[in-house]
Structure formats: structure tokens, C-alpha cells
Amino acid sequence: MLVQEPLAPGEGPGRAAPQFLKRIKDYTMSTERNRVKVSFTADERAQVDALADQLKLSVSELLRRLALGTRLPDPTDFVAAQAIRDLLKINADQARLGNLLKLALDVGADDLSPAHLARIEGLLVEIATVQAALKATVHAIHYQHHPRAKQPE
């Protein structure tokens, strides 16, 4: 007895399956995840959305962590990370300014008066001091929020 394989949608005598169905069939992946549907009132949904936004998680990830009792991120970590990014931007601006001052010394040192040269060199020292303070502040913030991180000797 001959067993005939089932035909794909759109296939049959004289009909070929559309190309998009073949592509969908080729790229579909099965998943082992299960969905859980939860009903919320409008107010409850607004609270869940606000908490998910505050913690920078999707609603799905927030509910998963709450249901399984896993750790939620601390909102102060986001504030600390933003502060570190801002300080690093300021540090980069300071470095660019220092490089421009060094370029001015290299290119136009002959045209500058000794007072201007001394002022530029003083600014370079101040920039280096500010950069060291910024670096120390970034490290202090980082190690405050990541106490187990290895601190340099």
C-alpha cells in the first residue's frame, strides 16, 4: 500500500505552493516557551508599564522576574551608569581641548608671547588635574555600585 505525504497548502494537482509559503516553512522555528496570559485593569497595566519603563525591562521580562522571584535591577544603577557616561564625555572634551592647546603650542609657538605660552601651559596642567579628578570620580561611582569589582592596586 502506498502512503502519500500530505500536500503543503496551495499544492494539489496542477497547483504549486506560493513562494512565500515555502520561505515561511523553511524559516519557522519551534519554541519550547509557553505563554501565560494575564488580565489587568487599565490602572494595573499602567502601573506595570511604568515599573517596566523605570527598570528598563520589557513587561514580559518584568513579570517573569516577579513570578520567579529573581532579582530586579536597581534604578540607581541606571542613574550611576548615566553619570559615568556623562563624566566620560566631559573627560573626552577635556582631552580634545588639551590636544588643541598642544597643537597651538606646536604650530604657533613662535608667534606667541611668553605670557601666552605660560598661560597655555598652565591650562594644560589644569586640564590634566581635572581629568585625573574625573577619572577618580568615575572609579568611585563604579566601585560604589559594583563593590565586588576588582579595584586597581
N, C-alpha and C. Protein backbone atom coordinates (compact mmCIF):
# COMPACT_ATOMS: atom_id res chain seq x y z
N MET A 1 0.84 -1.16 0.00
CA MET A 1 0.00 0.00 0.00
C MET A 1 0.90 1.24 0.00
N LEU A 2 0.59 2.17 -0.82
CA LEU A 2 1.34 3.42 -0.95
C LEU A 2 0.79 4.45 0.02
N VAL A 3 1.71 5.09 0.77
CA VAL A 3 1.30 6.17 1.66
C VAL A 3 1.72 7.47 1.02
N GLN A 4 0.78 8.34 0.84
CA GLN A 4 1.08 9.63 0.21
C GLN A 4 1.29 10.68 1.29
N GLU A 5 2.37 11.46 1.14
CA GLU A 5 2.65 12.52 2.10
C GLU A 5 1.62 13.63 1.93
N PRO A 6 1.26 14.30 3.02
CA PRO A 6 0.29 15.40 2.89
C PRO A 6 0.88 16.53 2.05
N LEU A 7 0.01 17.19 1.34
CA LEU A 7 0.44 18.28 0.48
C LEU A 7 0.49 19.57 1.28
N ALA A 8 1.42 20.43 0.91
CA ALA A 8 1.52 21.75 1.54
C ALA A 8 0.33 22.59 1.09
N PRO A 9 -0.02 23.63 1.86
CA PRO A 9 -1.15 24.48 1.46
C PRO A 9 -0.93 25.04 0.06
N GLY A 10 -1.95 24.98 -0.73
CA GLY A 10 -1.87 25.51 -2.08
C GLY A 10 -1.38 24.50 -3.09
N GLU A 11 -0.90 23.35 -2.62
CA GLU A 11 -0.43 22.33 -3.55
C GLU A 11 -1.58 21.38 -3.86
N GLY A 12 -1.51 20.82 -4.96
CA GLY A 12 -2.51 19.88 -5.39
C GLY A 12 -2.28 19.60 -6.86
N PRO A 13 -3.15 18.87 -7.45
CA PRO A 13 -2.96 18.59 -8.87
C PRO A 13 -2.96 19.89 -9.67
N GLY A 14 -1.83 20.18 -10.29
CA GLY A 14 -1.74 21.36 -11.14
C GLY A 14 -1.53 22.66 -10.39
N ARG A 15 -1.34 22.64 -9.08
CA ARG A 15 -1.14 23.87 -8.32
C ARG A 15 0.17 23.79 -7.54
N ALA A 16 0.95 24.82 -7.63
CA ALA A 16 2.19 24.88 -6.86
C ALA A 16 1.97 25.80 -5.67
N ALA A 17 2.66 25.51 -4.60
CA ALA A 17 2.55 26.37 -3.41
C ALA A 17 3.19 27.71 -3.71
N PRO A 18 2.59 28.80 -3.24
CA PRO A 18 3.21 30.11 -3.44
C PRO A 18 4.59 30.15 -2.78
N GLN A 19 5.48 30.94 -3.37
CA GLN A 19 6.86 31.03 -2.88
C GLN A 19 6.93 31.46 -1.42
N PHE A 20 6.09 32.44 -1.02
CA PHE A 20 6.20 32.93 0.35
C PHE A 20 5.89 31.83 1.36
N LEU A 21 5.00 30.89 1.02
CA LEU A 21 4.70 29.80 1.94
C LEU A 21 5.90 28.87 2.09
N LYS A 22 6.59 28.64 1.00
CA LYS A 22 7.78 27.79 1.08
C LYS A 22 8.84 28.46 1.95
N ARG A 23 9.02 29.80 1.80
CA ARG A 23 10.01 30.51 2.60
C ARG A 23 9.62 30.51 4.08
N ILE A 24 8.35 30.71 4.36
CA ILE A 24 7.91 30.71 5.75
C ILE A 24 8.16 29.34 6.37
N LYS A 25 7.85 28.32 5.61
CA LYS A 25 8.03 26.97 6.12
C LYS A 25 9.51 26.70 6.40
N ASP A 26 10.38 27.20 5.54
CA ASP A 26 11.81 26.96 5.70
C ASP A 26 12.38 27.66 6.93
N TYR A 27 11.85 28.82 7.30
CA TYR A 27 12.45 29.62 8.35
C TYR A 27 11.68 29.62 9.66
N THR A 28 10.60 28.86 9.75
CA THR A 28 9.87 28.85 11.01
C THR A 28 10.62 27.99 12.02
N MET A 29 10.67 28.49 13.25
CA MET A 29 11.35 27.74 14.30
C MET A 29 10.34 27.42 15.39
N SER A 30 10.44 26.22 15.89
CA SER A 30 9.57 25.89 17.01
C SER A 30 10.21 26.42 18.29
N THR A 31 9.40 26.63 19.27
CA THR A 31 9.92 27.16 20.53
C THR A 31 9.43 26.29 21.68
N GLU A 32 10.21 26.24 22.71
CA GLU A 32 9.85 25.46 23.88
C GLU A 32 9.17 26.33 24.94
N ARG A 33 8.99 27.61 24.65
CA ARG A 33 8.41 28.52 25.63
C ARG A 33 6.89 28.42 25.62
N ASN A 34 6.32 28.66 26.77
CA ASN A 34 4.87 28.67 26.91
C ASN A 34 4.43 30.07 27.28
N ARG A 35 3.27 30.46 26.81
CA ARG A 35 2.73 31.78 27.12
C ARG A 35 1.77 31.67 28.29
N VAL A 36 1.78 32.71 29.09
CA VAL A 36 0.83 32.83 30.19
C VAL A 36 0.10 34.15 29.96
N LYS A 37 -1.20 34.07 29.86
CA LYS A 37 -1.98 35.29 29.66
C LYS A 37 -2.43 35.82 31.02
N VAL A 38 -2.26 37.11 31.21
CA VAL A 38 -2.63 37.76 32.47
C VAL A 38 -3.54 38.92 32.13
N SER A 39 -4.60 39.08 32.89
CA SER A 39 -5.53 40.19 32.67
C SER A 39 -5.28 41.26 33.72
N PHE A 40 -5.23 42.51 33.26
CA PHE A 40 -5.04 43.66 34.14
C PHE A 40 -6.14 44.66 33.88
N THR A 41 -6.48 45.44 34.90
CA THR A 41 -7.31 46.61 34.67
C THR A 41 -6.43 47.66 34.02
N ALA A 42 -7.03 48.73 33.55
CA ALA A 42 -6.25 49.78 32.89
C ALA A 42 -5.24 50.40 33.87
N ASP A 43 -5.67 50.59 35.13
CA ASP A 43 -4.76 51.17 36.13
C ASP A 43 -3.60 50.22 36.44
N GLU A 44 -3.92 48.94 36.59
CA GLU A 44 -2.86 47.96 36.87
C GLU A 44 -1.87 47.90 35.71
N ARG A 45 -2.38 47.91 34.50
CA ARG A 45 -1.49 47.86 33.33
C ARG A 45 -0.59 49.10 33.29
N ALA A 46 -1.16 50.25 33.62
CA ALA A 46 -0.35 51.47 33.64
C ALA A 46 0.76 51.37 34.69
N GLN A 47 0.45 50.78 35.85
CA GLN A 47 1.47 50.60 36.89
C GLN A 47 2.57 49.63 36.43
N VAL A 48 2.17 48.54 35.79
CA VAL A 48 3.15 47.57 35.29
C VAL A 48 4.02 48.21 34.22
N ASP A 49 3.41 48.95 33.30
CA ASP A 49 4.18 49.62 32.25
C ASP A 49 5.15 50.63 32.83
N ALA A 50 4.69 51.39 33.84
CA ALA A 50 5.56 52.39 34.46
C ALA A 50 6.75 51.72 35.16
N LEU A 51 6.49 50.62 35.86
CA LEU A 51 7.57 49.91 36.54
C LEU A 51 8.55 49.31 35.53
N ALA A 52 8.03 48.76 34.44
CA ALA A 52 8.90 48.19 33.41
C ALA A 52 9.77 49.28 32.78
N ASP A 53 9.19 50.45 32.53
CA ASP A 53 9.97 51.56 31.98
C ASP A 53 11.04 52.02 32.97
N GLN A 54 10.66 52.11 34.23
CA GLN A 54 11.60 52.56 35.26
C GLN A 54 12.78 51.60 35.38
N LEU A 55 12.52 50.30 35.26
CA LEU A 55 13.57 49.30 35.41
C LEU A 55 14.23 48.94 34.08
N LYS A 56 13.76 49.56 33.00
CA LYS A 56 14.30 49.33 31.66
C LYS A 56 14.21 47.85 31.26
N LEU A 57 13.06 47.25 31.55
CA LEU A 57 12.77 45.87 31.19
C LEU A 57 11.51 45.83 30.35
N SER A 58 11.37 44.80 29.54
CA SER A 58 10.10 44.62 28.85
C SER A 58 9.08 44.15 29.89
N VAL A 59 7.80 44.32 29.57
CA VAL A 59 6.75 43.89 30.50
C VAL A 59 6.87 42.38 30.72
N SER A 60 7.15 41.66 29.66
CA SER A 60 7.30 40.21 29.76
C SER A 60 8.43 39.83 30.72
N GLU A 61 9.58 40.48 30.58
CA GLU A 61 10.72 40.17 31.45
C GLU A 61 10.43 40.58 32.89
N LEU A 62 9.76 41.71 33.08
CA LEU A 62 9.40 42.15 34.43
C LEU A 62 8.51 41.12 35.10
N LEU A 63 7.45 40.69 34.41
CA LEU A 63 6.52 39.72 35.00
C LEU A 63 7.21 38.38 35.25
N ARG A 64 8.11 37.97 34.34
CA ARG A 64 8.85 36.73 34.52
C ARG A 64 9.70 36.80 35.79
N ARG A 65 10.42 37.91 35.97
CA ARG A 65 11.28 38.04 37.15
C ARG A 65 10.46 38.11 38.44
N LEU A 66 9.32 38.81 38.39
CA LEU A 66 8.47 38.88 39.58
C LEU A 66 7.90 37.51 39.93
N ALA A 67 7.46 36.77 38.92
CA ALA A 67 6.85 35.46 39.16
C ALA A 67 7.88 34.46 39.69
N LEU A 68 9.11 34.53 39.18
CA LEU A 68 10.13 33.57 39.59
C LEU A 68 10.94 34.04 40.79
N GLY A 69 10.69 35.27 41.23
CA GLY A 69 11.39 35.78 42.40
C GLY A 69 12.86 36.11 42.14
N THR A 70 13.21 36.36 40.89
CA THR A 70 14.61 36.72 40.60
C THR A 70 14.81 38.21 40.82
N ARG A 71 16.06 38.59 40.89
CA ARG A 71 16.43 39.97 41.22
C ARG A 71 15.98 40.94 40.14
N LEU A 72 15.43 42.06 40.59
CA LEU A 72 15.10 43.16 39.68
C LEU A 72 16.25 44.15 39.70
N PRO A 73 16.53 44.81 38.58
CA PRO A 73 17.61 45.79 38.58
C PRO A 73 17.28 46.97 39.49
N ASP A 74 18.31 47.53 40.07
CA ASP A 74 18.16 48.69 40.95
C ASP A 74 18.15 49.95 40.09
N PRO A 75 17.10 50.79 40.18
CA PRO A 75 17.05 52.00 39.35
C PRO A 75 18.25 52.93 39.56
N THR A 76 18.87 52.88 40.75
CA THR A 76 20.03 53.75 40.97
C THR A 76 21.22 53.32 40.12
N ASP A 77 21.24 52.04 39.71
CA ASP A 77 22.32 51.59 38.81
C ASP A 77 22.26 52.34 37.49
N PHE A 78 21.05 52.61 37.01
CA PHE A 78 20.91 53.33 35.74
C PHE A 78 21.37 54.78 35.89
N VAL A 79 21.05 55.38 37.04
CA VAL A 79 21.48 56.76 37.29
C VAL A 79 23.01 56.81 37.36
N ALA A 80 23.60 55.84 38.05
CA ALA A 80 25.06 55.79 38.17
C ALA A 80 25.71 55.59 36.80
N ALA A 81 25.14 54.70 36.00
CA ALA A 81 25.70 54.45 34.67
C ALA A 81 25.62 55.70 33.81
N GLN A 82 24.51 56.43 33.90
CA GLN A 82 24.37 57.68 33.13
C GLN A 82 25.37 58.72 33.62
N ALA A 83 25.58 58.79 34.92
CA ALA A 83 26.55 59.74 35.47
C ALA A 83 27.96 59.41 34.98
N ILE A 84 28.29 58.13 34.94
CA ILE A 84 29.61 57.72 34.44
C ILE A 84 29.76 58.10 32.98
N ARG A 85 28.71 57.85 32.17
CA ARG A 85 28.78 58.22 30.75
C ARG A 85 28.98 59.72 30.59
N ASP A 86 28.25 60.51 31.37
CA ASP A 86 28.38 61.97 31.28
C ASP A 86 29.79 62.43 31.67
N LEU A 87 30.33 61.85 32.74
CA LEU A 87 31.68 62.21 33.16
C LEU A 87 32.72 61.81 32.11
N LEU A 88 32.51 60.67 31.47
CA LEU A 88 33.45 60.25 30.43
C LEU A 88 33.37 61.16 29.21
N LYS A 89 32.18 61.68 28.91
CA LYS A 89 32.06 62.64 27.80
C LYS A 89 32.81 63.93 28.13
N ILE A 90 32.67 64.38 29.38
CA ILE A 90 33.40 65.59 29.80
C ILE A 90 34.90 65.35 29.72
N ASN A 91 35.33 64.17 30.14
CA ASN A 91 36.75 63.82 30.07
C ASN A 91 37.25 63.85 28.62
N ALA A 92 36.44 63.33 27.71
CA ALA A 92 36.83 63.34 26.29
C ALA A 92 36.91 64.78 25.77
N ASP A 93 35.97 65.63 26.19
CA ASP A 93 36.02 67.04 25.78
C ASP A 93 37.28 67.71 26.32
N GLN A 94 37.63 67.40 27.55
CA GLN A 94 38.85 67.96 28.13
C GLN A 94 40.09 67.49 27.35
N ALA A 95 40.09 66.23 26.95
CA ALA A 95 41.22 65.71 26.18
C ALA A 95 41.33 66.41 24.83
N ARG A 96 40.18 66.63 24.18
CA ARG A 96 40.21 67.35 22.90
C ARG A 96 40.74 68.77 23.08
N LEU A 97 40.30 69.43 24.13
CA LEU A 97 40.78 70.79 24.40
C LEU A 97 42.29 70.79 24.65
N GLY A 98 42.76 69.84 25.42
CA GLY A 98 44.19 69.74 25.67
C GLY A 98 44.97 69.50 24.39
N ASN A 99 44.43 68.65 23.52
CA ASN A 99 45.11 68.39 22.24
C ASN A 99 45.16 69.64 21.37
N LEU A 100 44.07 70.41 21.37
CA LEU A 100 44.08 71.66 20.59
C LEU A 100 45.10 72.65 21.15
N LEU A 101 45.21 72.73 22.46
CA LEU A 101 46.20 73.63 23.05
C LEU A 101 47.62 73.18 22.73
N LYS A 102 47.86 71.88 22.75
CA LYS A 102 49.18 71.37 22.38
C LYS A 102 49.48 71.67 20.91
N LEU A 103 48.46 71.54 20.06
CA LEU A 103 48.63 71.86 18.64
C LEU A 103 48.97 73.34 18.48
N ALA A 104 48.30 74.20 19.25
CA ALA A 104 48.59 75.63 19.19
C ALA A 104 50.04 75.90 19.61
N LEU A 105 50.51 75.17 20.59
CA LEU A 105 51.91 75.33 21.01
C LEU A 105 52.87 74.86 19.93
N ASP A 106 52.53 73.74 19.29
CA ASP A 106 53.42 73.19 18.26
C ASP A 106 53.46 74.06 17.02
N VAL A 107 52.30 74.54 16.59
CA VAL A 107 52.21 75.28 15.33
C VAL A 107 52.60 76.75 15.50
N GLY A 108 52.08 77.39 16.53
CA GLY A 108 52.28 78.84 16.61
C GLY A 108 53.10 79.29 17.79
N ALA A 109 53.99 78.45 18.29
CA ALA A 109 54.77 78.82 19.47
C ALA A 109 55.67 80.03 19.21
N ASP A 110 56.11 80.19 17.97
CA ASP A 110 57.00 81.31 17.64
C ASP A 110 56.25 82.64 17.68
N ASP A 111 54.94 82.62 17.36
CA ASP A 111 54.16 83.85 17.28
C ASP A 111 53.57 84.28 18.63
N LEU A 112 53.65 83.41 19.64
CA LEU A 112 53.02 83.71 20.93
C LEU A 112 54.01 84.36 21.88
N SER A 113 53.48 85.24 22.70
CA SER A 113 54.33 85.90 23.71
C SER A 113 54.61 84.91 24.85
N PRO A 114 55.64 85.14 25.62
CA PRO A 114 55.93 84.26 26.76
C PRO A 114 54.76 84.18 27.75
N ALA A 115 54.01 85.25 27.90
CA ALA A 115 52.85 85.23 28.80
C ALA A 115 51.78 84.28 28.28
N HIS A 116 51.53 84.31 26.96
CA HIS A 116 50.55 83.40 26.36
C HIS A 116 51.02 81.95 26.47
N LEU A 117 52.29 81.72 26.22
CA LEU A 117 52.83 80.36 26.33
C LEU A 117 52.67 79.83 27.76
N ALA A 118 52.97 80.67 28.73
CA ALA A 118 52.82 80.26 30.13
C ALA A 118 51.36 79.98 30.47
N ARG A 119 50.46 80.80 29.93
CA ARG A 119 49.02 80.60 30.19
C ARG A 119 48.55 79.28 29.58
N ILE A 120 48.98 78.98 28.35
CA ILE A 120 48.58 77.73 27.69
C ILE A 120 49.12 76.54 28.47
N GLU A 121 50.37 76.61 28.89
CA GLU A 121 50.95 75.51 29.66
C GLU A 121 50.24 75.34 31.00
N GLY A 122 49.83 76.45 31.61
CA GLY A 122 49.05 76.38 32.85
C GLY A 122 47.70 75.73 32.62
N LEU A 123 47.06 76.05 31.49
CA LEU A 123 45.78 75.42 31.15
C LEU A 123 45.94 73.92 30.94
N LEU A 124 47.04 73.52 30.31
CA LEU A 124 47.29 72.09 30.10
C LEU A 124 47.43 71.36 31.44
N VAL A 125 48.09 71.99 32.39
CA VAL A 125 48.23 71.38 33.72
C VAL A 125 46.86 71.30 34.40
N GLU A 126 46.06 72.35 34.29
CA GLU A 126 44.71 72.34 34.88
C GLU A 126 43.85 71.26 34.26
N ILE A 127 43.94 71.11 32.94
CA ILE A 127 43.15 70.08 32.24
C ILE A 127 43.56 68.70 32.74
N ALA A 128 44.85 68.47 32.89
CA ALA A 128 45.32 67.17 33.39
C ALA A 128 44.81 66.91 34.80
N THR A 129 44.77 67.95 35.63
CA THR A 129 44.27 67.82 37.00
C THR A 129 42.77 67.48 37.00
N VAL A 130 42.02 68.18 36.16
CA VAL A 130 40.57 67.92 36.07
C VAL A 130 40.32 66.50 35.55
N GLN A 131 41.10 66.07 34.57
CA GLN A 131 40.93 64.71 34.03
C GLN A 131 41.22 63.66 35.10
N ALA A 132 42.23 63.88 35.92
CA ALA A 132 42.54 62.94 37.00
C ALA A 132 41.39 62.89 38.01
N ALA A 133 40.82 64.05 38.32
CA ALA A 133 39.68 64.09 39.25
C ALA A 133 38.46 63.39 38.66
N LEU A 134 38.22 63.60 37.37
CA LEU A 134 37.10 62.93 36.70
C LEU A 134 37.28 61.42 36.74
N LYS A 135 38.50 60.96 36.46
CA LYS A 135 38.78 59.53 36.47
C LYS A 135 38.55 58.95 37.86
N ALA A 136 39.01 59.65 38.89
CA ALA A 136 38.81 59.18 40.27
C ALA A 136 37.33 59.13 40.62
N THR A 137 36.56 60.11 40.17
CA THR A 137 35.12 60.13 40.44
C THR A 137 34.41 58.98 39.74
N VAL A 138 34.78 58.72 38.49
CA VAL A 138 34.19 57.60 37.74
C VAL A 138 34.48 56.29 38.47
N HIS A 139 35.72 56.10 38.91
CA HIS A 139 36.07 54.88 39.64
C HIS A 139 35.29 54.77 40.95
N ALA A 140 35.15 55.88 41.66
CA ALA A 140 34.41 55.86 42.92
C ALA A 140 32.95 55.46 42.70
N ILE A 141 32.31 56.03 41.68
CA ILE A 141 30.92 55.69 41.38
C ILE A 141 30.82 54.22 40.99
N HIS A 142 31.74 53.78 40.15
CA HIS A 142 31.71 52.39 39.67
C HIS A 142 31.86 51.41 40.84
N TYR A 143 32.85 51.63 41.70
CA TYR A 143 33.08 50.69 42.79
C TYR A 143 32.02 50.80 43.88
N GLN A 144 31.32 51.92 43.96
CA GLN A 144 30.22 52.04 44.90
C GLN A 144 29.06 51.16 44.46
N HIS A 145 28.81 51.08 43.16
CA HIS A 145 27.68 50.28 42.66
C HIS A 145 28.07 48.86 42.30
N HIS A 146 29.36 48.59 42.21
CA HIS A 146 29.86 47.24 41.94
C HIS A 146 30.94 46.92 42.96
N PRO A 147 30.56 46.67 44.21
CA PRO A 147 31.56 46.52 45.27
C PRO A 147 32.48 45.32 45.07
N ARG A 148 32.04 44.31 44.32
CA ARG A 148 32.89 43.14 44.13
C ARG A 148 33.84 43.28 42.96
N ALA A 149 33.75 44.39 42.24
CA ALA A 149 34.66 44.61 41.12
C ALA A 149 36.08 44.78 41.65
N LYS A 150 37.02 44.26 40.90
CA LYS A 150 38.42 44.31 41.33
C LYS A 150 38.96 45.72 41.16
N GLN A 151 39.40 46.30 42.26
CA GLN A 151 39.95 47.65 42.23
C GLN A 151 41.43 47.60 41.92
N PRO A 152 41.92 48.56 41.14
CA PRO A 152 43.34 48.57 40.83
C PRO A 152 44.16 48.82 42.09
N GLU A 153 45.32 48.23 42.12
CA GLU A 153 46.22 48.36 43.29
C GLU A 153 46.79 49.73 43.38
